[in-house]
Amino acid sequence: MSGHAEAHDGSGGAITASPNSCTETVDALVDEALAYQAESFDADEPIDGGDLVEWFAAWRIALREARRHERQV
């Protein structure tokens, strides 16, 4: 795993978040989670479980770091 969360915005593009980036905000990461495979979720289409687990693991680290940064500010 690369240590980056990757969210697909539904248009074929991807959004990546570095878990070590203090510039990520919790709100931005929530938006990223909502965008992840949004069209597939909305259309009740299959989503690769392995990809989802890998993405979520990296996203969770990024979220934890963003929350830690917000608490320190």
Protein backbone atom coordinates (compact mmCIF):
# COMPACT_ATOMS: atom_id res chain seq x y z
CA MET A 1 0.00 0.00 0.00
CA SER A 2 1.29 3.43 -0.91
CA GLY A 3 0.14 5.27 2.21
CA HIS A 4 -2.15 7.49 0.17
CA ALA A 5 -5.90 7.34 0.11
CA GLU A 6 -7.25 7.42 -3.40
CA ALA A 7 -10.82 8.41 -4.09
CA HIS A 8 -12.41 8.29 -7.48
CA ASP A 9 -14.59 11.26 -8.24
CA GLY A 10 -16.85 9.34 -10.59
CA SER A 11 -15.44 10.99 -13.70
CA GLY A 12 -12.49 8.64 -13.97
CA GLY A 13 -10.28 11.02 -12.02
CA ALA A 14 -8.77 10.29 -8.66
CA ILE A 15 -8.24 12.32 -5.53
CA THR A 16 -5.31 11.36 -3.33
CA ALA A 17 -4.65 12.30 0.26
CA SER A 18 -1.32 11.97 1.96
CA PRO A 19 -1.70 10.73 5.53
CA ASN A 20 1.25 12.93 6.52
CA SER A 21 -0.19 16.14 5.10
CA CYS A 22 -1.32 18.67 7.68
CA THR A 23 -3.00 20.67 4.93
CA GLU A 24 -5.80 18.11 4.68
CA THR A 25 -8.80 19.10 6.72
CA VAL A 26 -11.35 16.76 8.22
CA ASP A 27 -14.02 18.34 6.00
CA ALA A 28 -11.91 17.73 2.88
CA LEU A 29 -11.41 14.12 3.88
CA VAL A 30 -15.14 13.65 4.48
CA ASP A 31 -15.77 15.08 1.00
CA GLU A 32 -13.17 12.66 -0.34
CA ALA A 33 -14.92 9.71 1.31
CA LEU A 34 -18.26 10.79 -0.11
CA ALA A 35 -16.71 11.03 -3.57
CA TYR A 36 -15.07 7.59 -3.45
CA GLN A 37 -16.77 5.47 -6.12
CA ALA A 38 -19.84 7.71 -5.67
CA GLU A 39 -21.43 6.83 -9.00
CA SER A 40 -21.01 3.12 -8.38
CA PHE A 41 -22.44 3.34 -4.87
CA ASP A 42 -25.35 5.51 -6.05
CA ALA A 43 -26.15 3.12 -8.89
CA ASP A 44 -25.77 0.08 -6.60
CA GLU A 45 -23.03 -1.27 -8.87
CA PRO A 46 -20.33 -3.68 -7.68
CA ILE A 47 -17.23 -2.20 -6.05
CA ASP A 48 -14.03 -4.17 -5.59
CA GLY A 49 -13.85 -4.96 -1.88
CA GLY A 50 -10.07 -5.22 -1.84
CA ASP A 51 -9.69 -1.79 -3.39
CA LEU A 52 -12.21 -0.36 -0.92
CA VAL A 53 -10.40 -1.85 2.08
CA GLU A 54 -7.02 -0.59 0.83
CA TRP A 55 -8.44 2.89 0.15
CA PHE A 56 -10.19 3.01 3.53
CA ALA A 57 -7.07 1.96 5.45
CA ALA A 58 -5.06 4.83 3.93
CA TRP A 59 -7.98 7.29 4.27
CA ARG A 60 -8.35 6.40 7.96
CA ILE A 61 -4.67 7.24 8.56
CA ALA A 62 -5.08 10.56 6.73
CA LEU A 63 -8.18 11.36 8.80
CA ARG A 64 -6.44 10.49 12.05
CA GLU A 65 -3.53 12.80 11.15
CA ALA A 66 -5.87 15.63 10.15
CA ARG A 67 -7.75 15.36 13.45
CA ARG A 68 -4.48 15.29 15.39
CA HIS A 69 -3.36 18.43 13.55
CA GLU A 70 -6.69 20.22 14.19
CA ARG A 71 -6.42 19.49 17.92
CA GLN A 72 -2.92 20.96 18.04
CA VAL A 73 -3.91 24.22 16.34
